[in-house]
């Protein structure tokens, strides 16, 4: 039995999202920032910009908005093993976001 319900994971993710989005926006600096926090907090939505002509579109924003609630539900469904899997996938995505492939977001 998972320690947290899906509802608790969803609520925790929803509560986290506004703060993470504000940090990411601050890091973007009206398009002239270094985007470091955006790439750390939201690596997958940032990598999606490779499909949208190197531009943050509604697709990236939508993925960013649902990311932390989805993380919360995913972890709540499976417990400790899912934390590890999610951490590994997120870390790999962060490494990819800083690999130079998103050089147009490096300030």
PDB file of N, CA and C in Angstrom:
ATOM      1  N   UNK A   1       0.841  -1.191   0.000  1.00  0.00           N
ATOM      2  CA  UNK A   1       0.000   0.000   0.000  1.00  0.00           C
ATOM      3  C   UNK A   1       0.880   1.246   0.000  1.00  0.00           C
ATOM      4  N   UNK A   2       0.664   2.170  -0.938  1.00  0.00           N
ATOM      5  CA  UNK A   2       1.466   3.394  -0.965  1.00  0.00           C
ATOM      6  C   UNK A   2       1.236   4.237   0.281  1.00  0.00           C
ATOM      7  N   UNK A   3       2.275   4.956   0.670  1.00  0.00           N
ATOM      8  CA  UNK A   3       2.166   5.821   1.844  1.00  0.00           C
ATOM      9  C   UNK A   3       1.256   7.009   1.594  1.00  0.00           C
ATOM     10  N   UNK A   4       1.239   7.526   0.382  1.00  0.00           N
ATOM     11  CA  UNK A   4       0.429   8.683   0.044  1.00  0.00           C
ATOM     12  C   UNK A   4      -0.605   8.284  -0.983  1.00  0.00           C
ATOM     13  N   UNK A   5      -1.759   8.903  -0.904  1.00  0.00           N
ATOM     14  CA  UNK A   5      -2.771   8.642  -1.916  1.00  0.00           C
ATOM     15  C   UNK A   5      -2.457   9.440  -3.170  1.00  0.00           C
ATOM     16  N   UNK A   6      -3.085   9.048  -4.248  1.00  0.00           N
ATOM     17  CA  UNK A   6      -2.914   9.803  -5.489  1.00  0.00           C
ATOM     18  C   UNK A   6      -3.371  11.238  -5.298  1.00  0.00           C
ATOM     19  N   UNK A   7      -4.431  11.427  -4.520  1.00  0.00           N
ATOM     20  CA  UNK A   7      -4.939  12.770  -4.270  1.00  0.00           C
ATOM     21  C   UNK A   7      -3.894  13.610  -3.550  1.00  0.00           C
ATOM     22  N   UNK A   8      -3.222  13.020  -2.560  1.00  0.00           N
ATOM     23  CA  UNK A   8      -2.185  13.758  -1.828  1.00  0.00           C
ATOM     24  C   UNK A   8      -1.022  14.109  -2.750  1.00  0.00           C
ATOM     25  N   UNK A   9      -0.628  13.178  -3.602  1.00  0.00           N
ATOM     26  CA  UNK A   9       0.444  13.448  -4.557  1.00  0.00           C
ATOM     27  C   UNK A   9       0.067  14.547  -5.528  1.00  0.00           C
ATOM     28  N   UNK A  10      -1.170  14.507  -5.996  1.00  0.00           N
ATOM     29  CA  UNK A  10      -1.655  15.532  -6.911  1.00  0.00           C
ATOM     30  C   UNK A  10      -1.673  16.902  -6.230  1.00  0.00           C
ATOM     31  N   UNK A  11      -2.174  16.954  -5.010  1.00  0.00           N
ATOM     32  CA  UNK A  11      -2.248  18.225  -4.276  1.00  0.00           C
ATOM     33  C   UNK A  11      -0.852  18.771  -4.008  1.00  0.00           C
ATOM     34  N   UNK A  12       0.064  17.906  -3.611  1.00  0.00           N
ATOM     35  CA  UNK A  12       1.438  18.354  -3.372  1.00  0.00           C
ATOM     36  C   UNK A  12       2.054  18.905  -4.660  1.00  0.00           C
ATOM     37  N   UNK A  13       1.838  18.225  -5.767  1.00  0.00           N
ATOM     38  CA  UNK A  13       2.336  18.705  -7.052  1.00  0.00           C
ATOM     39  C   UNK A  13       1.706  20.022  -7.457  1.00  0.00           C
ATOM     40  N   UNK A  14       0.403  20.160  -7.215  1.00  0.00           N
ATOM     41  CA  UNK A  14      -0.285  21.421  -7.537  1.00  0.00           C
ATOM     42  C   UNK A  14       0.220  22.572  -6.678  1.00  0.00           C
ATOM     43  N   UNK A  15       0.547  22.291  -5.432  1.00  0.00           N
ATOM     44  CA  UNK A  15       1.073  23.338  -4.539  1.00  0.00           C
ATOM     45  C   UNK A  15       2.507  23.725  -4.918  1.00  0.00           C
ATOM     46  N   UNK A  16       3.257  22.802  -5.431  1.00  0.00           N
ATOM     47  CA  UNK A  16       4.646  23.046  -5.827  1.00  0.00           C
ATOM     48  C   UNK A  16       4.743  23.831  -7.129  1.00  0.00           C
ATOM     49  N   UNK A  17       3.825  23.593  -8.023  1.00  0.00           N
ATOM     50  CA  UNK A  17       3.887  24.153  -9.377  1.00  0.00           C
ATOM     51  C   UNK A  17       4.017  25.673  -9.434  1.00  0.00           C
ATOM     52  N   UNK A  18       3.201  26.452  -8.718  1.00  0.00           N
ATOM     53  CA  UNK A  18       3.332  27.914  -8.861  1.00  0.00           C
ATOM     54  C   UNK A  18       4.713  28.436  -8.459  1.00  0.00           C
ATOM     55  N   UNK A  19       5.286  27.876  -7.407  1.00  0.00           N
ATOM     56  CA  UNK A  19       6.613  28.315  -6.966  1.00  0.00           C
ATOM     57  C   UNK A  19       7.687  27.940  -7.994  1.00  0.00           C
ATOM     58  N   UNK A  20       7.596  26.716  -8.508  1.00  0.00           N
ATOM     59  CA  UNK A  20       8.573  26.280  -9.502  1.00  0.00           C
ATOM     60  C   UNK A  20       8.443  27.093 -10.788  1.00  0.00           C
ATOM     61  N   UNK A  21       7.214  27.392 -11.192  1.00  0.00           N
ATOM     62  CA  UNK A  21       7.019  28.204 -12.394  1.00  0.00           C
ATOM     63  C   UNK A  21       7.583  29.611 -12.213  1.00  0.00           C
ATOM     64  N   UNK A  22       7.372  30.193 -11.034  1.00  0.00           N
ATOM     65  CA  UNK A  22       7.921  31.533 -10.774  1.00  0.00           C
ATOM     66  C   UNK A  22       9.444  31.521 -10.817  1.00  0.00           C
ATOM     67  N   UNK A  23      10.056  30.504 -10.229  1.00  0.00           N
ATOM     68  CA  UNK A  23      11.520  30.395 -10.279  1.00  0.00           C
ATOM     69  C   UNK A  23      12.009  30.241 -11.716  1.00  0.00           C
ATOM     70  N   UNK A  24      11.313  29.424 -12.489  1.00  0.00           N
ATOM     71  CA  UNK A  24      11.704  29.220 -13.883  1.00  0.00           C
ATOM     72  C   UNK A  24      11.552  30.513 -14.685  1.00  0.00           C
ATOM     73  N   UNK A  25      10.470  31.236 -14.456  1.00  0.00           N
ATOM     74  CA  UNK A  25      10.265  32.507 -15.155  1.00  0.00           C
ATOM     75  C   UNK A  25      11.322  33.530 -14.760  1.00  0.00           C
ATOM     76  N   UNK A  26      11.662  33.568 -13.485  1.00  0.00           N
ATOM     77  CA  UNK A  26      12.715  34.469 -13.016  1.00  0.00           C
ATOM     78  C   UNK A  26      14.031  34.140 -13.713  1.00  0.00           C
ATOM     79  N   UNK A  27      14.323  32.868 -13.837  1.00  0.00           N
ATOM     80  CA  UNK A  27      15.553  32.422 -14.487  1.00  0.00           C
ATOM     81  C   UNK A  27      15.566  32.779 -15.973  1.00  0.00           C
ATOM     82  N   UNK A  28      14.389  32.786 -16.596  1.00  0.00           N
ATOM     83  CA  UNK A  28      14.304  33.103 -18.021  1.00  0.00           C
ATOM     84  C   UNK A  28      14.610  34.572 -18.282  1.00  0.00           C
ATOM     85  N   UNK A  29      14.364  35.428 -17.310  1.00  0.00           N
ATOM     86  CA  UNK A  29      14.716  36.843 -17.447  1.00  0.00           C
ATOM     87  C   UNK A  29      14.145  37.503 -18.685  1.00  0.00           C
ATOM     88  N   UNK A  30      12.850  37.364 -18.914  1.00  0.00           N
ATOM     89  CA  UNK A  30      12.182  37.946 -20.088  1.00  0.00           C
ATOM     90  C   UNK A  30      12.832  37.492 -21.396  1.00  0.00           C
ATOM     91  N   UNK A  31      13.362  36.281 -21.396  1.00  0.00           N
ATOM     92  CA  UNK A  31      13.988  35.739 -22.592  1.00  0.00           C
ATOM     93  C   UNK A  31      15.477  36.033 -22.694  1.00  0.00           C
ATOM     94  N   UNK A  32      16.002  36.841 -21.774  1.00  0.00           N
ATOM     95  CA  UNK A  32      17.417  37.215 -21.828  1.00  0.00           C
ATOM     96  C   UNK A  32      18.210  36.675 -20.644  1.00  0.00           C
ATOM     97  N   UNK A  33      17.621  35.753 -19.893  1.00  0.00           N
ATOM     98  CA  UNK A  33      18.303  35.176 -18.737  1.00  0.00           C
ATOM     99  C   UNK A  33      19.117  33.957 -19.123  1.00  0.00           C
ATOM    100  N   UNK A  34      19.560  33.241 -18.113  1.00  0.00           N
ATOM    101  CA  UNK A  34      20.373  32.050 -18.379  1.00  0.00           C
ATOM    102  C   UNK A  34      19.539  30.763 -18.427  1.00  0.00           C
ATOM    103  N   UNK A  35      18.287  30.825 -18.025  1.00  0.00           N
ATOM    104  CA  UNK A  35      17.353  29.702 -18.084  1.00  0.00           C
ATOM    105  C   UNK A  35      17.804  28.504 -17.244  1.00  0.00           C
ATOM    106  N   UNK A  36      18.724  28.701 -16.316  1.00  0.00           N
ATOM    107  CA  UNK A  36      19.253  27.575 -15.537  1.00  0.00           C
ATOM    108  C   UNK A  36      18.146  26.907 -14.734  1.00  0.00           C
ATOM    109  N   UNK A  37      17.386  27.677 -13.969  1.00  0.00           N
ATOM    110  CA  UNK A  37      16.331  27.070 -13.158  1.00  0.00           C
ATOM    111  C   UNK A  37      15.243  26.441 -14.023  1.00  0.00           C
ATOM    112  N   UNK A  38      14.957  27.040 -15.155  1.00  0.00           N
ATOM    113  CA  UNK A  38      13.966  26.450 -16.059  1.00  0.00           C
ATOM    114  C   UNK A  38      14.443  25.089 -16.556  1.00  0.00           C
ATOM    115  N   UNK A  39      15.725  25.002 -16.888  1.00  0.00           N
ATOM    116  CA  UNK A  39      16.262  23.726 -17.384  1.00  0.00           C
ATOM    117  C   UNK A  39      16.394  22.691 -16.273  1.00  0.00           C
ATOM    118  N   UNK A  40      16.636  23.132 -15.039  1.00  0.00           N
ATOM    119  CA  UNK A  40      16.744  22.190 -13.916  1.00  0.00           C
ATOM    120  C   UNK A  40      15.363  21.701 -13.481  1.00  0.00           C
ATOM    121  N   UNK A  41      14.420  22.623 -13.332  1.00  0.00           N
ATOM    122  CA  UNK A  41      13.092  22.256 -12.842  1.00  0.00           C
ATOM    123  C   UNK A  41      12.229  21.605 -13.918  1.00  0.00           C
ATOM    124  N   UNK A  42      12.377  22.055 -15.143  1.00  0.00           N
ATOM    125  CA  UNK A  42      11.529  21.595 -16.236  1.00  0.00           C
ATOM    126  C   UNK A  42      12.350  21.140 -17.444  1.00  0.00           C
ATOM    127  N   UNK A  43      13.179  20.131 -17.281  1.00  0.00           N
ATOM    128  CA  UNK A  43      14.041  19.739 -18.402  1.00  0.00           C
ATOM    129  C   UNK A  43      13.270  19.166 -19.589  1.00  0.00           C
ATOM    130  N   UNK A  44      12.248  18.393 -19.338  1.00  0.00           N
ATOM    131  CA  UNK A  44      11.512  17.787 -20.451  1.00  0.00           C
ATOM    132  C   UNK A  44      10.752  18.855 -21.243  1.00  0.00           C
ATOM    133  N   UNK A  45      10.003  19.751 -20.595  1.00  0.00           N
ATOM    134  CA  UNK A  45       9.385  20.827 -21.382  1.00  0.00           C
ATOM    135  C   UNK A  45      10.407  21.689 -22.124  1.00  0.00           C
ATOM    136  N   UNK A  46      11.575  21.893 -21.546  1.00  0.00           N
ATOM    137  CA  UNK A  46      12.603  22.662 -22.247  1.00  0.00           C
ATOM    138  C   UNK A  46      13.143  21.885 -23.440  1.00  0.00           C
ATOM    139  N   UNK A  47      13.301  20.580 -23.298  1.00  0.00           N
ATOM    140  CA  UNK A  47      13.773  19.763 -24.423  1.00  0.00           C
ATOM    141  C   UNK A  47      12.743  19.690 -25.540  1.00  0.00           C
ATOM    142  N   UNK A  48      11.471  19.847 -25.205  1.00  0.00           N
ATOM    143  CA  UNK A  48      10.416  19.856 -26.220  1.00  0.00           C
ATOM    144  C   UNK A  48      10.582  21.041 -27.167  1.00  0.00           C
ATOM    145  N   UNK A  49      11.280  22.078 -26.733  1.00  0.00           N
ATOM    146  CA  UNK A  49      11.504  23.231 -27.623  1.00  0.00           C
ATOM    147  C   UNK A  49      12.306  22.832 -28.864  1.00  0.00           C
ATOM    148  N   UNK A  50      12.984  21.704 -28.800  1.00  0.00           N
ATOM    149  CA  UNK A  50      13.685  21.209 -29.985  1.00  0.00           C
ATOM    150  C   UNK A  50      12.697  20.867 -31.101  1.00  0.00           C
ATOM    151  N   UNK A  51      11.467  20.555 -30.737  1.00  0.00           N
ATOM    152  CA  UNK A  51      10.431  20.210 -31.710  1.00  0.00           C
ATOM    153  C   UNK A  51       9.628  21.415 -32.168  1.00  0.00           C
ATOM    154  N   UNK A  52       9.797  22.547 -31.484  1.00  0.00           N
ATOM    155  CA  UNK A  52       8.979  23.728 -31.762  1.00  0.00           C
ATOM    156  C   UNK A  52       9.835  24.920 -32.173  1.00  0.00           C
ATOM    157  N   UNK A  53      10.821  24.666 -33.005  1.00  0.00           N
ATOM    158  CA  UNK A  53      11.659  25.719 -33.568  1.00  0.00           C
ATOM    159  C   UNK A  53      12.365  26.550 -32.488  1.00  0.00           C
ATOM    160  N   UNK A  54      12.871  25.875 -31.450  1.00  0.00           N
ATOM    161  CA  UNK A  54      13.637  26.510 -30.373  1.00  0.00           C
ATOM    162  C   UNK A  54      12.849  27.602 -29.654  1.00  0.00           C
ATOM    163  N   UNK A  55      11.552  27.398 -29.526  1.00  0.00           N
ATOM    164  CA  UNK A  55      10.675  28.382 -28.906  1.00  0.00           C
ATOM    165  C   UNK A  55       9.837  27.721 -27.825  1.00  0.00           C
ATOM    166  N   UNK A  56       9.664  28.441 -26.722  1.00  0.00           N
ATOM    167  CA  UNK A  56       8.759  27.967 -25.673  1.00  0.00           C
ATOM    168  C   UNK A  56       7.347  28.254 -26.162  1.00  0.00           C
ATOM    169  N   UNK A  57       6.594  27.204 -26.405  1.00  0.00           N
ATOM    170  CA  UNK A  57       5.227  27.332 -26.914  1.00  0.00           C
ATOM    171  C   UNK A  57       4.242  26.844 -25.856  1.00  0.00           C
ATOM    172  N   UNK A  58       2.973  26.856 -26.214  1.00  0.00           N
ATOM    173  CA  UNK A  58       1.943  26.380 -25.291  1.00  0.00           C
ATOM    174  C   UNK A  58       2.150  24.903 -24.948  1.00  0.00           C
ATOM    175  N   UNK A  59       2.775  24.140 -25.829  1.00  0.00           N
ATOM    176  CA  UNK A  59       3.071  22.737 -25.529  1.00  0.00           C
ATOM    177  C   UNK A  59       4.039  22.638 -24.356  1.00  0.00           C
ATOM    178  N   UNK A  60       5.127  23.391 -24.399  1.00  0.00           N
ATOM    179  CA  UNK A  60       6.103  23.382 -23.298  1.00  0.00           C
ATOM    180  C   UNK A  60       5.489  23.897 -22.007  1.00  0.00           C
ATOM    181  N   UNK A  61       4.716  24.961 -22.111  1.00  0.00           N
ATOM    182  CA  UNK A  61       4.075  25.541 -20.922  1.00  0.00           C
ATOM    183  C   UNK A  61       3.079  24.545 -20.335  1.00  0.00           C
ATOM    184  N   UNK A  62       2.298  23.912 -21.187  1.00  0.00           N
ATOM    185  CA  UNK A  62       1.344  22.913 -20.703  1.00  0.00           C
ATOM    186  C   UNK A  62       2.027  21.746 -20.006  1.00  0.00           C
ATOM    187  N   UNK A  63       3.112  21.265 -20.595  1.00  0.00           N
ATOM    188  CA  UNK A  63       3.865  20.181 -19.956  1.00  0.00           C
ATOM    189  C   UNK A  63       4.437  20.630 -18.614  1.00  0.00           C
ATOM    190  N   UNK A  64       4.909  21.863 -18.545  1.00  0.00           N
ATOM    191  CA  UNK A  64       5.458  22.383 -17.291  1.00  0.00           C
ATOM    192  C   UNK A  64       4.378  22.462 -16.214  1.00  0.00           C
ATOM    193  N   UNK A  65       3.189  22.895 -16.590  1.00  0.00           N
ATOM    194  CA  UNK A  65       2.103  23.039 -15.619  1.00  0.00           C
ATOM    195  C   UNK A  65       1.687  21.679 -15.051  1.00  0.00           C
ATOM    196  N   UNK A  66       1.689  20.651 -15.866  1.00  0.00           N
ATOM    197  CA  UNK A  66       1.245  19.336 -15.379  1.00  0.00           C
ATOM    198  C   UNK A  66       2.391  18.485 -14.820  1.00  0.00           C
ATOM    199  N   UNK A  67       3.634  18.919 -14.985  1.00  0.00           N
ATOM    200  CA  UNK A  67       4.767  18.074 -14.599  1.00  0.00           C
ATOM    201  C   UNK A  67       4.749  17.683 -13.126  1.00  0.00           C
ATOM    202  N   UNK A  68       4.736  18.640 -12.214  1.00  0.00           N
ATOM    203  CA  UNK A  68       4.819  18.298 -10.797  1.00  0.00           C
ATOM    204  C   UNK A  68       3.579  17.573 -10.276  1.00  0.00           C
ATOM    205  N   UNK A  69       2.364  17.947 -10.697  1.00  0.00           N
ATOM    206  CA  UNK A  69       1.218  17.113 -10.294  1.00  0.00           C
ATOM    207  C   UNK A  69       1.337  15.675 -10.810  1.00  0.00           C
ATOM    208  N   UNK A  70       1.831  15.518 -12.036  1.00  0.00           N
ATOM    209  CA  UNK A  70       2.024  14.161 -12.565  1.00  0.00           C
ATOM    210  C   UNK A  70       3.088  13.411 -11.778  1.00  0.00           C
ATOM    211  N   UNK A  71       4.177  14.107 -11.429  1.00  0.00           N
ATOM    212  CA  UNK A  71       5.211  13.485 -10.594  1.00  0.00           C
ATOM    213  C   UNK A  71       4.599  13.010  -9.272  1.00  0.00           C
ATOM    214  N   UNK A  72       3.775  13.861  -8.661  1.00  0.00           N
ATOM    215  CA  UNK A  72       3.164  13.503  -7.377  1.00  0.00           C
ATOM    216  C   UNK A  72       2.296  12.263  -7.472  1.00  0.00           C
ATOM    217  N   UNK A  73       1.476  12.196  -8.503  1.00  0.00           N
ATOM    218  CA  UNK A  73       0.607  11.026  -8.693  1.00  0.00           C
ATOM    219  C   UNK A  73       1.444   9.791  -8.997  1.00  0.00           C
ATOM    220  N   UNK A  74       2.441   9.926  -9.855  1.00  0.00           N
ATOM    221  CA  UNK A  74       3.301   8.806 -10.225  1.00  0.00           C
ATOM    222  C   UNK A  74       3.981   8.197  -9.003  1.00  0.00           C
ATOM    223  N   UNK A  75       4.527   9.042  -8.147  1.00  0.00           N
ATOM    224  CA  UNK A  75       5.218   8.557  -6.955  1.00  0.00           C
ATOM    225  C   UNK A  75       4.225   7.977  -5.957  1.00  0.00           C
ATOM    226  N   UNK A  76       3.064   8.600  -5.812  1.00  0.00           N
ATOM    227  CA  UNK A  76       2.064   8.108  -4.861  1.00  0.00           C
ATOM    228  C   UNK A  76       1.578   6.711  -5.235  1.00  0.00           C
ATOM    229  N   UNK A  77       1.555   6.413  -6.505  1.00  0.00           N
ATOM    230  CA  UNK A  77       1.086   5.091  -6.940  1.00  0.00           C
ATOM    231  C   UNK A  77       2.064   3.974  -6.624  1.00  0.00           C
ATOM    232  N   UNK A  78       3.356   4.292  -6.517  1.00  0.00           N
ATOM    233  CA  UNK A  78       4.321   3.214  -6.393  1.00  0.00           C
ATOM    234  C   UNK A  78       5.303   3.305  -5.261  1.00  0.00           C
ATOM    235  N   UNK A  79       5.326   4.386  -4.521  1.00  0.00           N
ATOM    236  CA  UNK A  79       6.211   4.473  -3.376  1.00  0.00           C
ATOM    237  C   UNK A  79       7.672   4.666  -3.717  1.00  0.00           C
ATOM    238  N   UNK A  80       8.525   4.099  -2.880  1.00  0.00           N
ATOM    239  CA  UNK A  80       9.966   4.348  -2.923  1.00  0.00           C
ATOM    240  C   UNK A  80      10.617   4.029  -4.266  1.00  0.00           C
ATOM    241  N   UNK A  81      10.267   2.937  -4.889  1.00  0.00           N
ATOM    242  CA  UNK A  81      10.868   2.573  -6.170  1.00  0.00           C
ATOM    243  C   UNK A  81      10.586   3.593  -7.257  1.00  0.00           C
ATOM    244  N   UNK A  82       9.424   4.190  -7.191  1.00  0.00           N
ATOM    245  CA  UNK A  82       9.067   5.198  -8.191  1.00  0.00           C
ATOM    246  C   UNK A  82       9.832   6.497  -7.963  1.00  0.00           C
ATOM    247  N   UNK A  83      10.142   6.825  -6.692  1.00  0.00           N
ATOM    248  CA  UNK A  83      10.975   8.012  -6.423  1.00  0.00           C
ATOM    249  C   UNK A  83      12.296   7.879  -7.153  1.00  0.00           C
ATOM    250  N   UNK A  84      12.885   6.712  -7.024  1.00  0.00           N
ATOM    251  CA  UNK A  84      14.183   6.477  -7.653  1.00  0.00           C
ATOM    252  C   UNK A  84      14.088   6.557  -9.176  1.00  0.00           C
ATOM    253  N   UNK A  85      13.100   5.880  -9.738  1.00  0.00           N
ATOM    254  CA  UNK A  85      12.926   5.892 -11.198  1.00  0.00           C
ATOM    255  C   UNK A  85      12.690   7.307 -11.705  1.00  0.00           C
ATOM    256  N   UNK A  86      11.830   8.039 -11.027  1.00  0.00           N
ATOM    257  CA  UNK A  86      11.546   9.412 -11.422  1.00  0.00           C
ATOM    258  C   UNK A  86      12.788  10.286 -11.297  1.00  0.00           C
ATOM    259  N   UNK A  87      13.536  10.112 -10.222  1.00  0.00           N
ATOM    260  CA  UNK A  87      14.770  10.871 -10.035  1.00  0.00           C
ATOM    261  C   UNK A  87      15.786  10.608 -11.129  1.00  0.00           C
ATOM    262  N   UNK A  88      15.904   9.360 -11.529  1.00  0.00           N
ATOM    263  CA  UNK A  88      16.847   9.002 -12.595  1.00  0.00           C
ATOM    264  C   UNK A  88      16.407   9.611 -13.927  1.00  0.00           C
ATOM    265  N   UNK A  89      15.135   9.487 -14.259  1.00  0.00           N
ATOM    266  CA  UNK A  89      14.637  10.043 -15.521  1.00  0.00           C
ATOM    267  C   UNK A  89      14.800  11.562 -15.526  1.00  0.00           C
ATOM    268  N   UNK A  90      14.461  12.216 -14.412  1.00  0.00           N
ATOM    269  CA  UNK A  90      14.596  13.676 -14.336  1.00  0.00           C
ATOM    270  C   UNK A  90      16.065  14.082 -14.449  1.00  0.00           C
ATOM    271  N   UNK A  91      16.950  13.369 -13.769  1.00  0.00           N
ATOM    272  CA  UNK A  91      18.385  13.687 -13.819  1.00  0.00           C
ATOM    273  C   UNK A  91      18.938  13.525 -15.237  1.00  0.00           C
ATOM    274  N   UNK A  92      18.527  12.489 -15.933  1.00  0.00           N
ATOM    275  CA  UNK A  92      18.969  12.289 -17.314  1.00  0.00           C
ATOM    276  C   UNK A  92      18.463  13.434 -18.191  1.00  0.00           C
ATOM    277  N   UNK A  93      17.223  13.843 -17.977  1.00  0.00           N
ATOM    278  CA  UNK A  93      16.677  14.952 -18.756  1.00  0.00           C
ATOM    279  C   UNK A  93      17.423  16.255 -18.455  1.00  0.00           C
ATOM    280  N   UNK A  94      17.782  16.478 -17.185  1.00  0.00           N
ATOM    281  CA  UNK A  94      18.557  17.675 -16.823  1.00  0.00           C
ATOM    282  C   UNK A  94      19.921  17.639 -17.518  1.00  0.00           C
ATOM    283  N   UNK A  95      20.568  16.489 -17.484  1.00  0.00           N
ATOM    284  CA  UNK A  95      21.863  16.367 -18.173  1.00  0.00           C
ATOM    285  C   UNK A  95      21.721  16.664 -19.665  1.00  0.00           C
ATOM    286  N   UNK A  96      20.657  16.174 -20.264  1.00  0.00           N
ATOM    287  CA  UNK A  96      20.422  16.452 -21.687  1.00  0.00           C
ATOM    288  C   UNK A  96      20.172  17.940 -21.915  1.00  0.00           C
ATOM    289  N   UNK A  97      19.440  18.577 -21.012  1.00  0.00           N
ATOM    290  CA  UNK A  97      19.136  20.010 -21.154  1.00  0.00           C
ATOM    291  C   UNK A  97      20.390  20.873 -21.022  1.00  0.00           C
ATOM    292  N   UNK A  98      21.410  20.367 -20.313  1.00  0.00           N
ATOM    293  CA  UNK A  98      22.663  21.112 -20.147  1.00  0.00           C
ATOM    294  C   UNK A  98      23.782  20.589 -21.049  1.00  0.00           C
ATOM    295  N   UNK A  99      23.441  19.695 -21.965  1.00  0.00           N
ATOM    296  CA  UNK A  99      24.466  19.082 -22.817  1.00  0.00           C
ATOM    297  C   UNK A  99      24.925  19.991 -23.956  1.00  0.00           C
ATOM    298  N   UNK A 100      24.270  21.115 -24.134  1.00  0.00           N
ATOM    299  CA  UNK A 100      24.602  22.016 -25.231  1.00  0.00           C
ATOM    300  C   UNK A 100      23.571  21.981 -26.341  1.00  0.00           C
ATOM    301  N   UNK A 101      22.652  21.039 -26.277  1.00  0.00           N
ATOM    302  CA  UNK A 101      21.629  20.930 -27.306  1.00  0.00           C
ATOM    303  C   UNK A 101      20.643  22.104 -27.244  1.00  0.00           C
ATOM    304  N   UNK A 102      20.545  22.749 -26.091  1.00  0.00           N
ATOM    305  CA  UNK A 102      19.669  23.919 -25.922  1.00  0.00           C
ATOM    306  C   UNK A 102      20.513  25.180 -25.814  1.00  0.00           C
ATOM    307  N   UNK A 103      21.507  25.303 -26.652  1.00  0.00           N
ATOM    308  CA  UNK A 103      22.444  26.424 -26.546  1.00  0.00           C
ATOM    309  C   UNK A 103      21.777  27.780 -26.691  1.00  0.00           C
ATOM    310  N   UNK A 104      20.640  27.854 -27.348  1.00  0.00           N
ATOM    311  CA  UNK A 104      19.926  29.121 -27.493  1.00  0.00           C
ATOM    312  C   UNK A 104      19.257  29.553 -26.190  1.00  0.00           C
ATOM    313  N   UNK A 105      19.238  28.691 -25.149  1.00  0.00           N
ATOM    314  CA  UNK A 105      18.703  29.047 -23.841  1.00  0.00           C
ATOM    315  C   UNK A 105      19.808  29.193 -22.798  1.00  0.00           C
ATOM    316  N   UNK A 106      21.007  29.446 -23.209  1.00  0.00           N
ATOM    317  CA  UNK A 106      22.129  29.536 -22.266  1.00  0.00           C
ATOM    318  C   UNK A 106      22.580  30.972 -22.002  1.00  0.00           C
ATOM    319  N   UNK A 107      21.686  31.915 -22.178  1.00  0.00           N
ATOM    320  CA  UNK A 107      21.980  33.312 -21.838  1.00  0.00           C
ATOM    321  C   UNK A 107      22.990  33.886 -22.673  1.00  0.00           C
TER     322      UNK A 107
END
